[in-house]
Amino acid sequence: MVTSLKLTILNHSLPMYRIALKAGINETRLSRLSTGLFEVKKEEKRALSKILRVPVSRLFSERAETVNE
């Protein structure tokens, strides 16, 4: 499943490991959060929103909008 978080990370200038480091999240956990395998904690949502400069509501919408769907 492609999530809004995953698409935002892929389109961001920082690599995933740097985003995870800045957010204080283990890189493996961030990967699982971005694919929807784990529930995202409120503090993780805020940290990722701040780092990625995207509103929480956009990062964690139900389904990502992709061109190929």
N, C-alpha and C. Protein backbone atom coordinates (compact mmCIF):
# COMPACT_ATOMS: atom_id res chain seq x y z
N MET A 1 0.84 -1.18 0.00
CA MET A 1 0.00 0.00 0.00
C MET A 1 0.88 1.24 0.00
N VAL A 2 0.58 2.16 -0.87
CA VAL A 2 1.31 3.42 -0.91
C VAL A 2 0.55 4.43 -0.06
N THR A 3 1.22 4.95 0.95
CA THR A 3 0.59 5.91 1.85
C THR A 3 1.06 7.32 1.50
N SER A 4 0.33 8.32 1.99
CA SER A 4 0.74 9.71 1.80
C SER A 4 2.10 9.95 2.43
N LEU A 5 2.34 9.35 3.57
CA LEU A 5 3.64 9.49 4.23
C LEU A 5 4.74 8.95 3.35
N LYS A 6 4.55 7.79 2.76
CA LYS A 6 5.57 7.17 1.90
C LYS A 6 5.86 8.06 0.69
N LEU A 7 4.83 8.56 0.04
CA LEU A 7 5.02 9.43 -1.12
C LEU A 7 5.75 10.71 -0.75
N THR A 8 5.41 11.27 0.39
CA THR A 8 6.07 12.50 0.84
C THR A 8 7.55 12.24 1.12
N ILE A 9 7.85 11.13 1.76
CA ILE A 9 9.25 10.78 2.03
C ILE A 9 10.01 10.58 0.72
N LEU A 10 9.41 9.89 -0.22
CA LEU A 10 10.07 9.64 -1.51
C LEU A 10 10.35 10.94 -2.27
N ASN A 11 9.47 11.92 -2.12
CA ASN A 11 9.61 13.19 -2.83
C ASN A 11 10.43 14.22 -2.06
N HIS A 12 10.86 13.89 -0.86
CA HIS A 12 11.61 14.83 -0.03
C HIS A 12 13.09 14.78 -0.39
N SER A 13 13.79 15.87 -0.12
CA SER A 13 15.21 15.94 -0.46
C SER A 13 16.11 15.13 0.49
N LEU A 14 15.63 14.86 1.70
CA LEU A 14 16.41 14.07 2.65
C LEU A 14 16.13 12.58 2.48
N PRO A 15 17.15 11.75 2.62
CA PRO A 15 16.92 10.30 2.59
C PRO A 15 16.17 9.85 3.85
N MET A 16 15.54 8.69 3.76
CA MET A 16 14.71 8.19 4.86
C MET A 16 15.48 8.08 6.18
N TYR A 17 16.73 7.64 6.13
CA TYR A 17 17.47 7.48 7.38
C TYR A 17 17.69 8.83 8.06
N ARG A 18 17.85 9.93 7.30
CA ARG A 18 18.03 11.26 7.89
C ARG A 18 16.71 11.77 8.47
N ILE A 19 15.62 11.49 7.80
CA ILE A 19 14.30 11.88 8.31
C ILE A 19 14.05 11.17 9.63
N ALA A 20 14.34 9.87 9.66
CA ALA A 20 14.16 9.08 10.88
C ALA A 20 15.02 9.63 12.01
N LEU A 21 16.26 9.94 11.72
CA LEU A 21 17.19 10.48 12.72
C LEU A 21 16.67 11.80 13.28
N LYS A 22 16.26 12.70 12.41
CA LYS A 22 15.75 14.00 12.85
C LYS A 22 14.46 13.87 13.66
N ALA A 23 13.64 12.87 13.33
CA ALA A 23 12.37 12.67 14.03
C ALA A 23 12.53 11.86 15.31
N GLY A 24 13.72 11.29 15.51
CA GLY A 24 13.94 10.47 16.70
C GLY A 24 13.26 9.12 16.61
N ILE A 25 13.14 8.62 15.38
CA ILE A 25 12.46 7.35 15.11
C ILE A 25 13.47 6.39 14.49
N ASN A 26 13.43 5.15 14.88
CA ASN A 26 14.26 4.12 14.27
C ASN A 26 13.91 4.03 12.79
N GLU A 27 14.91 3.89 11.93
CA GLU A 27 14.67 3.85 10.49
C GLU A 27 13.74 2.70 10.08
N THR A 28 13.90 1.55 10.72
CA THR A 28 13.03 0.41 10.41
C THR A 28 11.58 0.74 10.78
N ARG A 29 11.39 1.37 11.93
CA ARG A 29 10.04 1.76 12.34
C ARG A 29 9.45 2.76 11.34
N LEU A 30 10.23 3.74 10.93
CA LEU A 30 9.74 4.72 9.96
C LEU A 30 9.32 4.03 8.66
N SER A 31 10.10 3.08 8.23
CA SER A 31 9.76 2.33 7.02
C SER A 31 8.42 1.62 7.20
N ARG A 32 8.23 1.02 8.33
CA ARG A 32 6.96 0.31 8.59
C ARG A 32 5.79 1.27 8.76
N LEU A 33 6.05 2.43 9.36
CA LEU A 33 5.01 3.45 9.47
C LEU A 33 4.60 3.93 8.09
N SER A 34 5.59 4.11 7.23
CA SER A 34 5.32 4.66 5.89
C SER A 34 4.58 3.68 4.99
N THR A 35 4.61 2.41 5.31
CA THR A 35 3.86 1.43 4.51
C THR A 35 2.54 1.04 5.18
N GLY A 36 2.26 1.65 6.32
CA GLY A 36 1.00 1.41 6.99
C GLY A 36 0.97 0.16 7.86
N LEU A 37 2.14 -0.42 8.13
CA LEU A 37 2.18 -1.65 8.93
C LEU A 37 2.02 -1.38 10.43
N PHE A 38 2.43 -0.19 10.86
CA PHE A 38 2.35 0.16 12.28
C PHE A 38 1.48 1.40 12.46
N GLU A 39 0.88 1.51 13.62
CA GLU A 39 0.12 2.70 14.00
C GLU A 39 1.11 3.81 14.37
N VAL A 40 0.86 5.01 13.88
CA VAL A 40 1.75 6.14 14.14
C VAL A 40 1.31 6.86 15.41
N LYS A 41 2.26 7.07 16.33
CA LYS A 41 1.97 7.78 17.57
C LYS A 41 1.82 9.28 17.29
N LYS A 42 1.07 9.94 18.16
CA LYS A 42 0.82 11.37 18.00
C LYS A 42 2.12 12.17 17.91
N GLU A 43 3.08 11.87 18.77
CA GLU A 43 4.34 12.62 18.76
C GLU A 43 5.16 12.34 17.50
N GLU A 44 5.03 11.14 16.94
CA GLU A 44 5.70 10.82 15.69
C GLU A 44 5.07 11.61 14.54
N LYS A 45 3.76 11.72 14.55
CA LYS A 45 3.07 12.49 13.52
C LYS A 45 3.54 13.94 13.54
N ARG A 46 3.61 14.52 14.72
CA ARG A 46 4.04 15.92 14.83
C ARG A 46 5.47 16.10 14.36
N ALA A 47 6.36 15.19 14.77
CA ALA A 47 7.78 15.29 14.39
C ALA A 47 7.94 15.16 12.87
N LEU A 48 7.29 14.19 12.28
CA LEU A 48 7.39 13.99 10.83
C LEU A 48 6.78 15.16 10.06
N SER A 49 5.68 15.68 10.54
CA SER A 49 5.04 16.83 9.91
C SER A 49 5.99 18.03 9.90
N LYS A 50 6.64 18.25 11.00
CA LYS A 50 7.57 19.39 11.12
C LYS A 50 8.77 19.21 10.19
N ILE A 51 9.37 18.03 10.19
CA ILE A 51 10.56 17.76 9.37
C ILE A 51 10.23 17.82 7.88
N LEU A 52 9.11 17.22 7.51
CA LEU A 52 8.73 17.15 6.10
C LEU A 52 8.01 18.41 5.62
N ARG A 53 7.67 19.30 6.56
CA ARG A 53 6.98 20.57 6.27
C ARG A 53 5.66 20.35 5.53
N VAL A 54 4.90 19.40 6.07
CA VAL A 54 3.60 19.05 5.51
C VAL A 54 2.62 18.91 6.68
N PRO A 55 1.38 19.40 6.53
CA PRO A 55 0.40 19.24 7.61
C PRO A 55 0.17 17.76 7.96
N VAL A 56 -0.06 17.51 9.23
CA VAL A 56 -0.32 16.14 9.69
C VAL A 56 -1.47 15.52 8.91
N SER A 57 -2.51 16.29 8.66
CA SER A 57 -3.68 15.76 7.95
C SER A 57 -3.33 15.29 6.55
N ARG A 58 -2.37 15.92 5.91
CA ARG A 58 -1.97 15.49 4.56
C ARG A 58 -1.07 14.25 4.61
N LEU A 59 -0.21 14.19 5.61
CA LEU A 59 0.70 13.05 5.75
C LEU A 59 -0.02 11.75 6.06
N PHE A 60 -1.09 11.86 6.81
CA PHE A 60 -1.75 10.65 7.30
C PHE A 60 -3.19 10.54 6.83
N SER A 61 -3.41 10.91 5.58
CA SER A 61 -4.74 10.71 4.99
C SER A 61 -4.92 9.21 4.74
N GLU A 62 -6.13 8.81 4.59
CA GLU A 62 -6.44 7.38 4.42
C GLU A 62 -5.69 6.73 3.27
N ARG A 63 -5.65 7.41 2.14
CA ARG A 63 -5.08 6.81 0.94
C ARG A 63 -4.32 7.87 0.16
N ALA A 64 -3.21 7.50 -0.38
CA ALA A 64 -2.40 8.43 -1.16
C ALA A 64 -2.96 8.57 -2.57
N GLU A 65 -2.81 9.74 -3.11
CA GLU A 65 -3.19 10.00 -4.50
C GLU A 65 -1.97 9.71 -5.37
N THR A 66 -2.09 8.76 -6.26
CA THR A 66 -0.99 8.47 -7.17
C THR A 66 -1.45 8.57 -8.61
N VAL A 67 -0.54 8.82 -9.49
CA VAL A 67 -0.85 8.96 -10.90
C VAL A 67 -1.21 7.63 -11.53
N ASN A 68 -0.59 6.54 -11.09
CA ASN A 68 -0.76 5.24 -11.72
C ASN A 68 -1.93 4.41 -11.21
N GLU A 69 -2.78 4.95 -10.41
CA GLU A 69 -3.89 4.14 -9.89
C GLU A 69 -5.05 4.13 -10.84
